[in-house]
Amino acid sequence: MPRVSEIEEDGGDPTLKAIFGRQREMFGGLLNPTKVLAHCPPILRAAGLLGQSIEQSGQLPKALLPLVYVRVATINGCPF
């Protein structure tokens, strides 16, 4: 059982509605970090923007990004 409750419904919040919709479309459901960070929609949105900025920075070749994601998930014990 998680220590922090997971939020799976947007409760009418426009930020959560947009983010939840995109993740459900891309992954078929919500990722666990999203469900936890949804307690504070501005932080959830900022975390997403941070991830996007890392991807768009050009510091890593685009072909390498999926391998980095899989490796980080493996290190953290998360199937991805």
N, C-alpha and C. Protein backbone atom coordinates (compact mmCIF):
# COMPACT_ATOMS: atom_id res chain seq x y z
N MET A 1 0.84 -1.18 0.00
CA MET A 1 0.00 0.00 0.00
C MET A 1 0.89 1.25 0.00
N PRO A 2 0.61 2.19 -0.91
CA PRO A 2 1.44 3.39 -0.97
C PRO A 2 1.28 4.27 0.27
N ARG A 3 2.34 4.97 0.62
CA ARG A 3 2.29 5.88 1.77
C ARG A 3 1.55 7.16 1.44
N VAL A 4 1.63 7.58 0.19
CA VAL A 4 0.92 8.77 -0.27
C VAL A 4 -0.21 8.28 -1.17
N SER A 5 -1.41 8.77 -0.93
CA SER A 5 -2.52 8.33 -1.76
C SER A 5 -2.31 8.76 -3.21
N GLU A 6 -2.81 7.95 -4.10
CA GLU A 6 -2.67 8.22 -5.53
C GLU A 6 -3.97 8.80 -6.05
N ILE A 7 -3.87 9.87 -6.81
CA ILE A 7 -5.04 10.54 -7.38
C ILE A 7 -5.19 10.07 -8.81
N GLU A 8 -6.37 9.57 -9.15
CA GLU A 8 -6.61 9.06 -10.50
C GLU A 8 -7.72 9.81 -11.23
N GLU A 9 -8.40 10.71 -10.54
CA GLU A 9 -9.46 11.51 -11.16
C GLU A 9 -9.08 12.98 -11.08
N ASP A 10 -9.37 13.73 -12.13
CA ASP A 10 -8.94 15.13 -12.18
C ASP A 10 -9.74 16.06 -11.28
N GLY A 11 -10.90 15.64 -10.82
CA GLY A 11 -11.69 16.47 -9.91
C GLY A 11 -12.07 17.82 -10.49
N GLY A 12 -12.07 17.94 -11.82
CA GLY A 12 -12.43 19.19 -12.47
C GLY A 12 -11.28 20.17 -12.64
N ASP A 13 -10.09 19.82 -12.16
CA ASP A 13 -8.94 20.71 -12.30
C ASP A 13 -8.47 20.69 -13.75
N PRO A 14 -8.41 21.85 -14.41
CA PRO A 14 -8.01 21.86 -15.83
C PRO A 14 -6.58 21.38 -16.08
N THR A 15 -5.67 21.65 -15.16
CA THR A 15 -4.29 21.18 -15.31
C THR A 15 -4.25 19.66 -15.27
N LEU A 16 -4.91 19.08 -14.27
CA LEU A 16 -4.92 17.61 -14.15
C LEU A 16 -5.65 16.98 -15.32
N LYS A 17 -6.74 17.59 -15.76
CA LYS A 17 -7.51 17.03 -16.87
C LYS A 17 -6.64 16.90 -18.11
N ALA A 18 -5.88 17.95 -18.42
CA ALA A 18 -5.01 17.92 -19.61
C ALA A 18 -3.90 16.88 -19.47
N ILE A 19 -3.23 16.87 -18.33
CA ILE A 19 -2.11 15.94 -18.12
C ILE A 19 -2.62 14.50 -18.08
N PHE A 20 -3.69 14.25 -17.35
CA PHE A 20 -4.24 12.90 -17.25
C PHE A 20 -4.67 12.41 -18.63
N GLY A 21 -5.30 13.29 -19.41
CA GLY A 21 -5.75 12.90 -20.75
C GLY A 21 -4.60 12.48 -21.64
N ARG A 22 -3.51 13.27 -21.62
CA ARG A 22 -2.34 12.94 -22.44
C ARG A 22 -1.73 11.62 -22.02
N GLN A 23 -1.58 11.41 -20.70
CA GLN A 23 -0.95 10.16 -20.25
C GLN A 23 -1.82 8.95 -20.56
N ARG A 24 -3.10 9.09 -20.39
CA ARG A 24 -3.98 7.96 -20.71
C ARG A 24 -3.93 7.63 -22.19
N GLU A 25 -3.81 8.67 -23.01
CA GLU A 25 -3.71 8.45 -24.46
C GLU A 25 -2.38 7.79 -24.82
N MET A 26 -1.28 8.26 -24.21
CA MET A 26 0.04 7.73 -24.54
C MET A 26 0.32 6.37 -23.94
N PHE A 27 -0.09 6.17 -22.68
CA PHE A 27 0.31 4.96 -21.95
C PHE A 27 -0.85 4.03 -21.60
N GLY A 28 -2.07 4.46 -21.86
CA GLY A 28 -3.23 3.64 -21.51
C GLY A 28 -3.61 3.76 -20.04
N GLY A 29 -2.95 4.62 -19.32
CA GLY A 29 -3.23 4.84 -17.89
C GLY A 29 -2.31 5.91 -17.37
N LEU A 30 -2.38 6.14 -16.08
CA LEU A 30 -1.55 7.17 -15.47
C LEU A 30 -0.29 6.54 -14.87
N LEU A 31 0.83 7.23 -15.02
CA LEU A 31 2.07 6.78 -14.40
C LEU A 31 2.01 7.09 -12.90
N ASN A 32 2.62 6.25 -12.10
CA ASN A 32 2.56 6.42 -10.64
C ASN A 32 3.06 7.78 -10.16
N PRO A 33 4.18 8.30 -10.68
CA PRO A 33 4.60 9.62 -10.21
C PRO A 33 3.55 10.71 -10.47
N THR A 34 2.85 10.58 -11.57
CA THR A 34 1.79 11.54 -11.88
C THR A 34 0.69 11.47 -10.84
N LYS A 35 0.30 10.26 -10.46
CA LYS A 35 -0.78 10.09 -9.48
C LYS A 35 -0.40 10.66 -8.11
N VAL A 36 0.87 10.66 -7.78
CA VAL A 36 1.32 11.21 -6.50
C VAL A 36 1.47 12.74 -6.61
N LEU A 37 2.11 13.20 -7.67
CA LEU A 37 2.31 14.64 -7.84
C LEU A 37 1.01 15.39 -8.10
N ALA A 38 -0.06 14.67 -8.44
CA ALA A 38 -1.36 15.30 -8.70
C ALA A 38 -1.93 15.98 -7.46
N HIS A 39 -1.36 15.70 -6.29
CA HIS A 39 -1.79 16.40 -5.08
C HIS A 39 -1.53 17.90 -5.20
N CYS A 40 -0.55 18.26 -6.02
CA CYS A 40 -0.22 19.68 -6.22
C CYS A 40 -0.04 19.90 -7.73
N PRO A 41 -1.14 20.22 -8.44
CA PRO A 41 -1.06 20.36 -9.90
C PRO A 41 0.04 21.30 -10.40
N PRO A 42 0.33 22.43 -9.75
CA PRO A 42 1.43 23.27 -10.27
C PRO A 42 2.79 22.56 -10.25
N ILE A 43 3.03 21.75 -9.22
CA ILE A 43 4.30 21.00 -9.16
C ILE A 43 4.31 19.90 -10.22
N LEU A 44 3.18 19.24 -10.42
CA LEU A 44 3.08 18.22 -11.47
C LEU A 44 3.38 18.83 -12.83
N ARG A 45 2.79 19.99 -13.10
CA ARG A 45 3.03 20.66 -14.37
C ARG A 45 4.50 21.07 -14.52
N ALA A 46 5.08 21.59 -13.45
CA ALA A 46 6.49 22.01 -13.49
C ALA A 46 7.41 20.81 -13.70
N ALA A 47 7.10 19.69 -13.08
CA ALA A 47 7.92 18.48 -13.26
C ALA A 47 7.87 18.02 -14.72
N GLY A 48 6.69 18.12 -15.32
CA GLY A 48 6.56 17.76 -16.73
C GLY A 48 7.37 18.69 -17.63
N LEU A 49 7.33 19.97 -17.31
CA LEU A 49 8.11 20.94 -18.09
C LEU A 49 9.60 20.70 -17.93
N LEU A 50 10.04 20.31 -16.74
CA LEU A 50 11.45 19.99 -16.54
C LEU A 50 11.86 18.82 -17.43
N GLY A 51 11.04 17.78 -17.45
CA GLY A 51 11.33 16.64 -18.30
C GLY A 51 11.39 17.02 -19.77
N GLN A 52 10.46 17.85 -20.20
CA GLN A 52 10.46 18.31 -21.59
C GLN A 52 11.71 19.12 -21.91
N SER A 53 12.11 19.97 -20.99
CA SER A 53 13.29 20.81 -21.25
C SER A 53 14.56 19.96 -21.36
N ILE A 54 14.64 18.90 -20.58
CA ILE A 54 15.79 18.00 -20.68
C ILE A 54 15.80 17.34 -22.06
N GLU A 55 14.63 16.88 -22.51
CA GLU A 55 14.54 16.25 -23.83
C GLU A 55 14.91 17.22 -24.94
N GLN A 56 14.45 18.45 -24.81
CA GLN A 56 14.63 19.43 -25.89
C GLN A 56 15.96 20.18 -25.82
N SER A 57 16.75 19.92 -24.79
CA SER A 57 18.00 20.66 -24.62
C SER A 57 19.04 20.35 -25.68
N GLY A 58 18.93 19.17 -26.28
CA GLY A 58 19.90 18.78 -27.28
C GLY A 58 21.18 18.22 -26.67
N GLN A 59 21.23 18.06 -25.36
CA GLN A 59 22.43 17.54 -24.71
C GLN A 59 22.62 16.04 -24.97
N LEU A 60 21.52 15.34 -25.22
CA LEU A 60 21.60 13.91 -25.54
C LEU A 60 21.01 13.69 -26.93
N PRO A 61 21.61 12.79 -27.71
CA PRO A 61 21.01 12.47 -29.01
C PRO A 61 19.61 11.89 -28.82
N LYS A 62 18.68 12.28 -29.68
CA LYS A 62 17.29 11.83 -29.55
C LYS A 62 17.18 10.31 -29.53
N ALA A 63 18.02 9.62 -30.28
CA ALA A 63 17.96 8.16 -30.31
C ALA A 63 18.38 7.54 -28.99
N LEU A 64 19.13 8.27 -28.18
CA LEU A 64 19.60 7.75 -26.91
C LEU A 64 18.57 7.90 -25.79
N LEU A 65 17.64 8.84 -25.92
CA LEU A 65 16.68 9.12 -24.85
C LEU A 65 15.88 7.89 -24.42
N PRO A 66 15.30 7.11 -25.35
CA PRO A 66 14.55 5.93 -24.89
C PRO A 66 15.41 4.94 -24.10
N LEU A 67 16.67 4.81 -24.49
CA LEU A 67 17.57 3.91 -23.75
C LEU A 67 17.83 4.43 -22.34
N VAL A 68 17.96 5.75 -22.21
CA VAL A 68 18.15 6.36 -20.88
C VAL A 68 16.92 6.10 -20.02
N TYR A 69 15.73 6.27 -20.60
CA TYR A 69 14.49 6.05 -19.84
C TYR A 69 14.40 4.61 -19.33
N VAL A 70 14.71 3.67 -20.21
CA VAL A 70 14.65 2.26 -19.81
C VAL A 70 15.68 1.97 -18.73
N ARG A 71 16.88 2.49 -18.87
CA ARG A 71 17.94 2.24 -17.88
C ARG A 71 17.57 2.83 -16.52
N VAL A 72 17.07 4.05 -16.50
CA VAL A 72 16.67 4.67 -15.24
C VAL A 72 15.54 3.87 -14.60
N ALA A 73 14.57 3.45 -15.41
CA ALA A 73 13.47 2.65 -14.87
C ALA A 73 13.99 1.33 -14.28
N THR A 74 14.93 0.72 -14.96
CA THR A 74 15.53 -0.54 -14.46
C THR A 74 16.25 -0.31 -13.15
N ILE A 75 17.04 0.74 -13.08
CA ILE A 75 17.77 1.05 -11.83
C ILE A 75 16.79 1.24 -10.68
N ASN A 76 15.64 1.87 -10.97
CA ASN A 76 14.64 2.15 -9.93
C ASN A 76 13.69 0.99 -9.69
N GLY A 77 13.89 -0.11 -10.43
CA GLY A 77 13.04 -1.28 -10.24
C GLY A 77 11.63 -1.10 -10.78
N CYS A 78 11.50 -0.28 -11.80
CA CYS A 78 10.19 0.00 -12.40
C CYS A 78 10.13 -0.59 -13.80
N PRO A 79 9.13 -1.42 -14.06
CA PRO A 79 8.97 -1.90 -15.45
C PRO A 79 8.49 -0.73 -16.31
N PHE A 80 9.08 -0.60 -17.49
CA PHE A 80 8.66 0.51 -18.37
C PHE A 80 8.76 0.08 -19.80
